Protein backbone atom coordinates (compact mmCIF):
# COMPACT_ATOMS: atom_id res chain seq x y z
CA UNK A 1 -7.05 60.51 1.70
CA UNK A 2 -4.40 58.39 -0.02
CA UNK A 3 -2.77 57.67 3.34
CA UNK A 4 -6.16 56.73 4.75
CA UNK A 5 -6.80 54.30 1.88
CA UNK A 6 -3.36 52.75 2.30
CA UNK A 7 -3.89 52.36 6.01
CA UNK A 8 -7.31 50.81 5.39
CA UNK A 9 -5.84 48.41 2.81
CA UNK A 10 -3.03 47.45 5.15
CA UNK A 11 -5.50 46.81 7.94
CA UNK A 12 -7.61 44.66 5.63
CA UNK A 13 -4.59 42.64 4.52
CA UNK A 14 -3.45 42.22 8.12
CA UNK A 15 -6.94 41.18 9.19
CA UNK A 16 -7.10 38.65 6.37
CA UNK A 17 -3.72 37.27 7.37
CA UNK A 18 -4.78 36.94 10.97
CA UNK A 19 -7.99 35.20 9.95
CA UNK A 20 -6.02 32.74 7.80
CA UNK A 21 -3.55 32.16 10.60
CA UNK A 22 -6.37 31.57 13.03
CA UNK A 23 -7.71 28.71 10.92
CA UNK A 24 -4.34 27.20 9.95
CA UNK A 25 -3.32 24.17 11.99
CA UNK A 26 -1.02 21.20 12.01
CA UNK A 27 -3.09 18.20 10.96
CA UNK A 28 -1.78 14.85 12.14
CA UNK A 29 -2.13 11.68 10.06
CA UNK A 30 -0.92 8.31 11.30
CA UNK A 31 1.38 6.04 9.31
CA UNK A 32 1.00 2.52 10.65
CA UNK A 33 3.46 0.13 9.00
CA UNK A 34 5.66 -2.79 9.98
CA UNK A 35 8.93 -1.00 10.52
CA UNK A 36 10.05 -4.18 12.26
CA UNK A 37 9.06 -7.63 11.10
CA UNK A 38 9.03 -9.74 7.93
CA UNK A 39 8.71 -6.79 5.55
CA UNK A 40 10.84 -4.26 7.38
CA UNK A 41 13.09 -3.47 4.42
CA UNK A 42 10.28 -2.06 2.28
CA UNK A 43 8.30 -0.14 4.92
CA UNK A 44 10.52 2.97 5.14
CA UNK A 45 10.10 3.52 1.38
CA UNK A 46 6.33 3.26 1.74
CA UNK A 47 6.27 5.76 4.61
CA UNK A 48 8.53 8.15 2.71
CA UNK A 49 6.16 8.05 -0.26
CA UNK A 50 3.08 8.91 1.78
CA UNK A 51 4.99 11.70 3.49
CA UNK A 52 6.00 13.08 0.10
CA UNK A 53 2.31 13.54 -0.74
CA UNK A 54 1.69 15.23 2.63
CA UNK A 55 4.64 17.55 2.09
CA UNK A 56 3.62 18.51 -1.44
CA UNK A 57 0.09 19.30 -0.32
CA UNK A 58 1.28 21.33 2.68
CA UNK A 59 3.72 23.33 0.56
CA UNK A 60 0.95 24.63 -1.70
CA UNK A 61 -0.22 26.80 1.19
CA UNK A 62 -3.79 26.13 0.03
CA UNK A 63 -4.72 23.18 2.20
CA UNK A 64 -7.46 24.21 4.66
CA UNK A 65 -6.49 27.86 5.09
CA UNK A 66 -2.77 27.21 5.07
CA UNK A 67 -2.80 24.19 7.36
CA UNK A 68 0.00 21.65 7.13
CA UNK A 69 0.03 17.88 7.45
CA UNK A 70 2.47 16.09 9.71
CA UNK A 71 2.79 12.33 9.93
CA UNK A 72 3.07 10.26 13.09
CA UNK A 73 4.74 6.90 12.45
CA UNK A 74 3.89 3.79 14.43
CA UNK A 75 5.05 0.19 14.12
CA UNK A 76 2.46 -2.46 13.23
CA UNK A 77 5.15 -5.21 13.19
CA UNK A 78 3.14 -6.68 10.28
CA UNK A 79 2.37 -9.85 12.24
CA UNK A 80 1.58 -9.05 15.89
CA UNK A 81 -2.08 -8.02 16.13
CA UNK A 82 -1.79 -6.97 19.78
CA UNK A 83 1.21 -4.74 19.12
CA UNK A 84 -0.44 -3.22 16.06
CA UNK A 85 -3.65 -2.53 17.98
CA UNK A 86 -1.74 -0.87 20.81
CA UNK A 87 0.21 1.27 18.32
CA UNK A 88 -3.00 2.33 16.59
CA UNK A 89 -4.64 3.22 19.91
CA UNK A 90 -1.74 5.52 20.69
CA UNK A 91 -2.10 7.19 17.29
CA UNK A 92 -5.81 7.76 17.79
CA UNK A 93 -5.93 8.72 21.48
CA UNK A 94 -2.54 10.20 22.40
CA UNK A 95 -1.59 11.69 19.04
CA UNK A 96 -5.09 12.56 17.86
CA UNK A 97 -4.59 11.57 14.24
CA UNK A 98 -7.38 12.37 11.80
CA UNK A 99 -6.85 9.19 9.73
CA UNK A 100 -4.40 6.32 9.29
CA UNK A 101 -2.33 5.52 6.23
CA UNK A 102 -2.07 1.75 6.78
CA UNK A 103 -1.91 -0.75 8.15
CA UNK A 104 0.26 -2.93 5.97
CA UNK A 105 -0.23 -6.68 6.43
CA UNK A 106 -3.73 -8.09 6.24
CA UNK A 107 -4.00 -9.73 9.66
CA UNK A 108 -2.95 -6.69 11.68
CA UNK A 109 -5.03 -4.45 9.42
CA UNK A 110 -8.16 -6.40 10.27
CA UNK A 111 -7.36 -6.28 13.98
CA UNK A 112 -6.75 -2.53 13.99
CA UNK A 113 -9.85 -1.89 11.93
CA UNK A 114 -12.13 -3.83 14.29
CA UNK A 115 -10.56 -2.79 17.59
CA UNK A 116 -9.53 0.81 16.97
CA UNK A 117 -10.65 2.39 13.70
CA UNK A 118 -14.32 1.42 13.71
CA UNK A 119 -14.96 2.26 17.40
CA UNK A 120 -13.34 5.66 16.92
CA UNK A 121 -14.65 6.53 13.47
CA UNK A 122 -11.15 6.67 11.96
CA UNK A 123 -10.57 6.01 8.27
CA UNK A 124 -7.81 3.59 7.32
CA UNK A 125 -6.42 3.54 3.79
CA UNK A 126 -4.06 0.60 3.39
CA UNK A 127 -1.52 0.57 0.57
CA UNK A 128 -0.76 -3.14 0.93
CA UNK A 129 -3.30 -5.19 2.91
CA UNK A 130 -4.53 -7.47 0.14
CA UNK A 131 -6.46 -10.31 1.79
CA UNK A 132 -9.78 -11.01 0.03
CA UNK A 133 -11.33 -11.32 3.49
CA UNK A 134 -11.00 -7.56 3.97
CA UNK A 135 -13.48 -7.02 1.14
CA UNK A 136 -16.38 -8.13 3.30
CA UNK A 137 -15.23 -7.07 6.77
CA UNK A 138 -17.61 -4.93 8.84
CA UNK A 139 -15.95 -1.54 8.52
CA UNK A 140 -18.72 1.09 8.72
CA UNK A 141 -17.37 2.41 5.40
CA UNK A 142 -14.07 3.37 7.06
CA UNK A 143 -11.68 1.01 5.26
CA UNK A 144 -10.19 1.61 1.82
CA UNK A 145 -7.16 0.26 0.01
CA UNK A 146 -5.09 1.41 -2.92
CA UNK A 147 -3.73 -2.08 -3.69
CA UNK A 148 -5.96 -4.68 -5.37
CA UNK A 149 -7.34 -7.70 -3.53
CA UNK A 150 -5.47 -11.00 -3.72
CA UNK A 151 -8.54 -12.46 -5.37
CA UNK A 152 -7.16 -10.80 -8.48
CA UNK A 153 -3.56 -11.76 -7.75
CA UNK A 154 -4.59 -15.42 -7.56
CA UNK A 155 -5.93 -15.16 -11.09
CA UNK A 156 -2.73 -13.55 -12.37
CA UNK A 157 -0.49 -16.18 -10.75
CA UNK A 158 -2.53 -18.97 -12.32
CA UNK A 159 -2.49 -17.27 -15.72
CA UNK A 160 1.31 -16.91 -15.61
CA UNK A 161 1.77 -20.63 -14.94
CA UNK A 162 -0.60 -21.55 -17.76
CA UNK A 163 1.35 -19.34 -20.16
CA UNK A 164 4.58 -21.01 -19.04
CA UNK A 165 3.08 -24.43 -19.72
CA UNK A 166 3.49 -25.48 -16.07
CA UNK A 167 0.80 -27.89 -14.87
CA UNK A 168 2.10 -29.19 -11.52
CA UNK A 169 3.33 -27.13 -8.56
CA UNK A 170 3.87 -27.27 -4.83
CA UNK A 171 2.77 -24.25 -2.77
CA UNK A 172 4.06 -22.83 0.49
CA UNK A 173 2.37 -19.85 2.07
CA UNK A 174 2.86 -17.68 5.12
CA UNK A 175 0.58 -18.81 7.93
CA UNK A 176 -1.40 -15.57 8.10
CA UNK A 177 -4.56 -14.00 6.72
CA UNK A 178 -2.51 -12.75 3.78
CA UNK A 179 -0.83 -16.06 2.98
CA UNK A 180 -3.92 -18.22 3.43
CA UNK A 181 -6.10 -15.85 1.42
CA UNK A 182 -3.66 -15.68 -1.47
CA UNK A 183 -3.09 -19.45 -1.47
CA UNK A 184 -6.85 -20.03 -1.60
CA UNK A 185 -7.26 -17.52 -4.44
CA UNK A 186 -4.48 -19.17 -6.39
CA UNK A 187 -5.92 -22.67 -5.86
CA UNK A 188 -9.34 -21.49 -7.03
CA UNK A 189 -7.87 -20.30 -10.34
CA UNK A 190 -5.15 -22.86 -11.12
CA UNK A 191 -6.34 -25.65 -13.40
CA UNK A 192 -3.22 -27.78 -12.91
CA UNK A 193 -2.16 -30.01 -10.03
CA UNK A 194 -1.21 -28.63 -6.64
CA UNK A 195 0.84 -31.46 -5.19
CA UNK A 196 0.90 -29.92 -1.71
CA UNK A 197 -0.20 -26.57 -0.30
CA UNK A 198 1.35 -26.08 3.13
CA UNK A 199 1.75 -23.13 5.51
CA UNK A 200 5.04 -22.00 7.01
CA UNK A 201 5.81 -19.85 10.02
CA UNK A 202 8.12 -16.85 9.96
CA UNK A 203 11.18 -16.56 12.15
CA UNK A 204 12.28 -20.21 12.12
CA UNK A 205 15.95 -21.09 11.91
CA UNK A 206 15.33 -24.37 10.09
CA UNK A 207 12.82 -25.11 7.33
CA UNK A 208 14.12 -28.58 6.47
CA UNK A 209 10.89 -30.32 7.51
CA UNK A 210 8.75 -28.03 5.35
CA UNK A 211 11.10 -28.42 2.39
CA UNK A 212 11.19 -32.21 2.73
CA UNK A 213 7.39 -32.42 2.62
CA UNK A 214 7.16 -30.12 -0.40
CA UNK A 215 9.92 -31.96 -2.26
CA UNK A 216 8.34 -35.32 -1.54
CA UNK A 217 5.06 -34.13 -3.02
CA UNK A 218 6.87 -32.98 -6.15
CA UNK A 219 5.98 -30.38 -8.75
CA UNK A 220 7.70 -28.56 -11.58
CA UNK A 221 8.39 -25.57 -9.35
CA UNK A 222 7.61 -24.13 -5.92
CA UNK A 223 5.10 -21.31 -5.51
CA UNK A 224 6.19 -19.13 -2.57
CA UNK A 225 3.51 -16.87 -1.09
CA UNK A 226 5.43 -15.47 1.85
CA UNK A 227 7.29 -12.47 3.21
CA UNK A 228 10.58 -11.40 1.79
CA UNK A 229 12.55 -10.67 4.96
CA UNK A 230 11.81 -13.90 6.80
CA UNK A 231 10.24 -17.27 5.97
CA UNK A 232 9.73 -16.92 2.24
CA UNK A 233 13.31 -15.97 1.45
CA UNK A 234 14.71 -18.64 3.77
CA UNK A 235 12.54 -21.33 2.21
CA UNK A 236 13.92 -20.47 -1.23
CA UNK A 237 17.48 -20.65 0.09
CA UNK A 238 16.82 -24.01 1.78
CA UNK A 239 15.07 -25.41 -1.30
CA UNK A 240 18.09 -24.74 -3.47
CA UNK A 241 20.58 -25.90 -0.84
CA UNK A 242 18.83 -29.28 -0.59
CA UNK A 243 18.13 -29.65 -4.30
CA UNK A 244 14.38 -29.71 -3.72
CA UNK A 245 13.48 -26.95 -6.20
CA UNK A 246 15.46 -24.60 -8.40
CA UNK A 247 12.72 -22.41 -9.91
CA UNK A 248 10.14 -20.34 -8.05
CA UNK A 249 6.97 -18.37 -8.68
CA UNK A 250 6.57 -15.71 -5.99
CA UNK A 251 3.75 -13.47 -4.85
CA UNK A 252 3.81 -9.77 -4.07
CA UNK A 253 5.16 -10.20 -0.53
CA UNK A 254 8.40 -11.53 -1.99
CA UNK A 255 9.25 -8.57 -4.23
CA UNK A 256 12.24 -6.45 -3.22
CA UNK A 257 15.99 -6.10 -3.15
CA UNK A 258 16.29 -8.80 -0.48
CA UNK A 259 15.13 -11.40 -3.01
CA UNK A 260 17.71 -10.32 -5.56
CA UNK A 261 20.27 -10.53 -2.77
CA UNK A 262 19.97 -14.32 -2.95
CA UNK A 263 21.97 -14.11 -6.18
CA UNK A 264 22.06 -16.78 -8.86
CA UNK A 265 19.67 -19.11 -7.06
CA UNK A 266 16.69 -16.97 -8.08
CA UNK A 267 17.83 -16.46 -11.66
CA UNK A 268 15.03 -17.50 -14.01
CA UNK A 269 12.34 -17.35 -11.33
CA UNK A 270 9.35 -15.07 -11.81
CA UNK A 271 6.52 -13.37 -9.97
CA UNK A 272 3.81 -10.75 -9.86
CA UNK A 273 3.40 -7.56 -7.84
CA UNK A 274 0.84 -4.72 -7.90
CA UNK A 275 2.14 -2.13 -10.35
CA UNK A 276 1.00 0.60 -12.69
CA UNK A 277 2.12 2.41 -15.79
CA UNK A 278 1.15 5.60 -17.50
CA UNK A 279 1.54 9.35 -17.10
CA UNK A 280 0.72 9.32 -13.39
CA UNK A 281 3.21 6.56 -12.64
CA UNK A 282 5.92 8.33 -14.61
CA UNK A 283 5.23 11.57 -12.78
CA UNK A 284 5.46 9.87 -9.38
CA UNK A 285 8.72 8.23 -10.40
CA UNK A 286 10.12 11.63 -11.32
CA UNK A 287 8.95 13.35 -8.13
CA UNK A 288 9.94 10.48 -5.87
CA UNK A 289 13.39 10.17 -7.38
CA UNK A 290 13.97 13.89 -6.92
CA UNK A 291 12.98 13.47 -3.28
CA UNK A 292 15.43 10.61 -2.76
CA UNK A 293 12.77 7.89 -2.44
CA UNK A 294 13.39 4.33 -3.65
CA UNK A 295 10.42 4.48 -6.00
CA UNK A 296 10.82 0.96 -7.41
CA UNK A 297 10.23 -0.66 -4.04
CA UNK A 298 6.93 -2.43 -3.42
CA UNK A 299 3.85 -0.37 -2.64
CA UNK A 300 5.53 3.04 -2.84
CA UNK A 301 2.99 4.24 -5.43
CA UNK A 302 0.09 2.87 -3.43
CA UNK A 303 1.39 4.60 -0.29
CA UNK A 304 1.70 7.95 -2.05
CA UNK A 305 -1.86 7.62 -3.31
CA UNK A 306 -3.21 6.56 0.09
CA UNK A 307 -1.68 9.65 1.69
CA UNK A 308 -2.98 11.92 -1.06
CA UNK A 309 -6.53 10.57 -0.82
CA UNK A 310 -6.66 11.23 2.92
CA UNK A 311 -5.59 14.85 2.47
CA UNK A 312 -7.81 15.52 -0.55
CA UNK A 313 -10.82 14.06 1.26
CA UNK A 314 -10.29 16.56 4.07
CA UNK A 315 -9.98 19.37 1.55
CA UNK A 316 -13.19 18.27 -0.18
CA UNK A 317 -14.98 18.27 3.17
CA UNK A 318 -13.53 21.63 4.13
CA UNK A 319 -12.26 20.51 7.52
CA UNK A 320 -9.58 18.40 9.16
CA UNK A 321 -11.92 15.90 10.77
CA UNK A 322 -12.38 12.16 10.73
CA UNK A 323 -15.89 12.67 9.42
CA UNK A 324 -14.65 14.69 6.44
CA UNK A 325 -12.20 11.97 5.44
CA UNK A 326 -14.82 9.23 5.68
CA UNK A 327 -17.40 11.16 3.68
CA UNK A 328 -15.19 12.21 0.79
CA UNK A 329 -12.61 9.54 -0.06
CA UNK A 330 -14.73 7.93 -2.78
CA UNK A 331 -15.62 11.32 -4.27
CA UNK A 332 -12.05 12.52 -4.73
CA UNK A 333 -10.84 9.10 -5.92
CA UNK A 334 -13.27 8.60 -8.77
CA UNK A 335 -14.86 10.32 -11.74
CA UNK A 336 -16.48 12.65 -12.49
CA UNK A 337 -14.01 15.43 -11.99
CA UNK A 338 -10.82 17.02 -13.24
CA UNK A 339 -8.05 14.38 -13.50
CA UNK A 340 -5.29 14.96 -10.94
CA UNK A 341 -1.79 13.49 -11.35
CA UNK A 342 0.95 13.24 -8.69
CA UNK A 343 2.21 16.69 -7.74
CA UNK A 344 -0.85 18.51 -9.10
CA UNK A 345 -2.15 19.35 -5.67
CA UNK A 346 -2.35 23.12 -6.05
CA UNK A 347 -4.65 22.57 -9.02
CA UNK A 348 -6.71 20.05 -7.05
CA UNK A 349 -7.06 22.30 -4.01
CA UNK A 350 -8.12 25.27 -6.15
CA UNK A 351 -10.87 23.19 -7.77
CA UNK A 352 -12.11 21.87 -4.45
CA UNK A 353 -12.08 25.33 -2.87
CA UNK A 354 -14.36 26.52 -5.68
CA UNK A 355 -16.77 23.64 -5.07
CA UNK A 356 -15.65 21.63 -8.09
CA UNK A 357 -14.91 17.93 -8.48
CA UNK A 358 -11.64 16.12 -8.96
CA UNK A 359 -10.77 12.61 -10.11
CA UNK A 360 -7.49 11.66 -8.44
CA UNK A 361 -5.52 9.50 -10.87
CA UNK A 362 -2.34 9.46 -8.82
CA UNK A 363 0.55 7.07 -9.27
CA UNK A 364 -1.57 3.92 -9.63
CA UNK A 365 -4.44 5.05 -11.86
CA UNK A 366 -6.64 5.14 -8.76
CA UNK A 367 -10.16 3.83 -9.18
CA UNK A 368 -11.99 2.69 -6.06
CA UNK A 369 -14.73 0.19 -6.79
CA UNK A 370 -17.32 -1.48 -4.58
CA UNK A 371 -16.65 -0.80 -0.91
CA UNK A 372 -13.43 1.14 -1.39
CA UNK A 373 -11.59 -1.59 -3.32
CA UNK A 374 -8.81 -0.71 -5.74
CA UNK A 375 -9.26 -2.02 -9.28
CA UNK A 376 -5.48 -2.20 -9.68
CA UNK A 377 -3.08 -3.86 -12.09
CA UNK A 378 -0.07 -6.18 -11.75
CA UNK A 379 3.45 -6.41 -13.06
CA UNK A 380 4.46 -9.85 -14.30
CA UNK A 381 8.26 -10.02 -14.14
CA UNK A 382 11.17 -12.40 -14.44
CA UNK A 383 14.50 -12.30 -12.65
CA UNK A 384 17.05 -11.97 -15.41
CA UNK A 385 20.75 -11.19 -15.02
CA UNK A 386 20.20 -10.40 -11.36
CA UNK A 387 17.48 -7.82 -11.96
CA UNK A 388 13.71 -7.58 -12.26
CA UNK A 389 12.65 -7.55 -15.90
CA UNK A 390 9.05 -6.67 -16.78
CA UNK A 391 7.19 -9.07 -19.03
CA UNK A 392 3.98 -7.06 -19.03
CA UNK A 393 1.47 -5.12 -16.94
CA UNK A 394 -1.94 -6.72 -16.65
């Protein structure tokens, strides 16, 4: 009898294992970022952060009957809408991704959303596309972002100048949806004089004409709303070389080690970048550092959270489908529910499996408002002794 019971138990265990194995699968999620282009130095850190969330969730063994998540990277270029659209089409059709973490820059994000994501019912969660225009785009409730809109950044930039007692500035912005949107948001909030607000193109060898026009207009400093690895950085270098400006206020696209690489010429300049603080941020910093990720790079926290939300939405829906992601992102991102910090995915998956609710706090104090907008907060910093020094988080 004992042998019979043991045999029956073994058979039950084996059957259960086979059932679990039958349902386990490799779930593919796209990572669409500009691995080449004007922000290429920060994109690998963003991708690594999202993949850390995927790996942590997979390693619990509790994601959709033991399924795992694998990422498929694709290059948006940040600036070439045709290339980004083609890359996204490959992710959706050839690779069969369930959702897309990305895109990165606002212009290509809008193109991919309209041409690929919406027609195919694919959710996009961008960690860094910040144009205010994306707030009202026709998205069939498929677009979310974990970084705040530049409508808010424009307010912060204006506030910083007011606090500094600066009442007259020149503005140069990247000629893109991102640059134009941020420049407009800044202008709407700045009570001082904008002597000239002029676009610049990336990839030029010579910015002397742009600098001459800005210098002629005057201003106490130059506001640079560009991209760190191309036009924005080169404009700062040219401004100092020609004596046009020696102090700069920079937007989020200018934050990174490449800016500090300019050396003494940026000493005393200042800027803002989406940031967060608190228990969740500290936990991400700890986990990311252990994993070898450059956690202080721009949008690493937002990328981790974007990846986590995609996976948790699938878990909430009980299936690895595009429909499950679309239906459940807002539910797992917001209250009510048990607060979930970075790395607490086993806890989250247990709650969801039992039919409970979670409130994913993540690395950025996630709260999605309106049509999937991130409430968000910003770091106001100065460049002091060759390093970024936080003034405050607001």
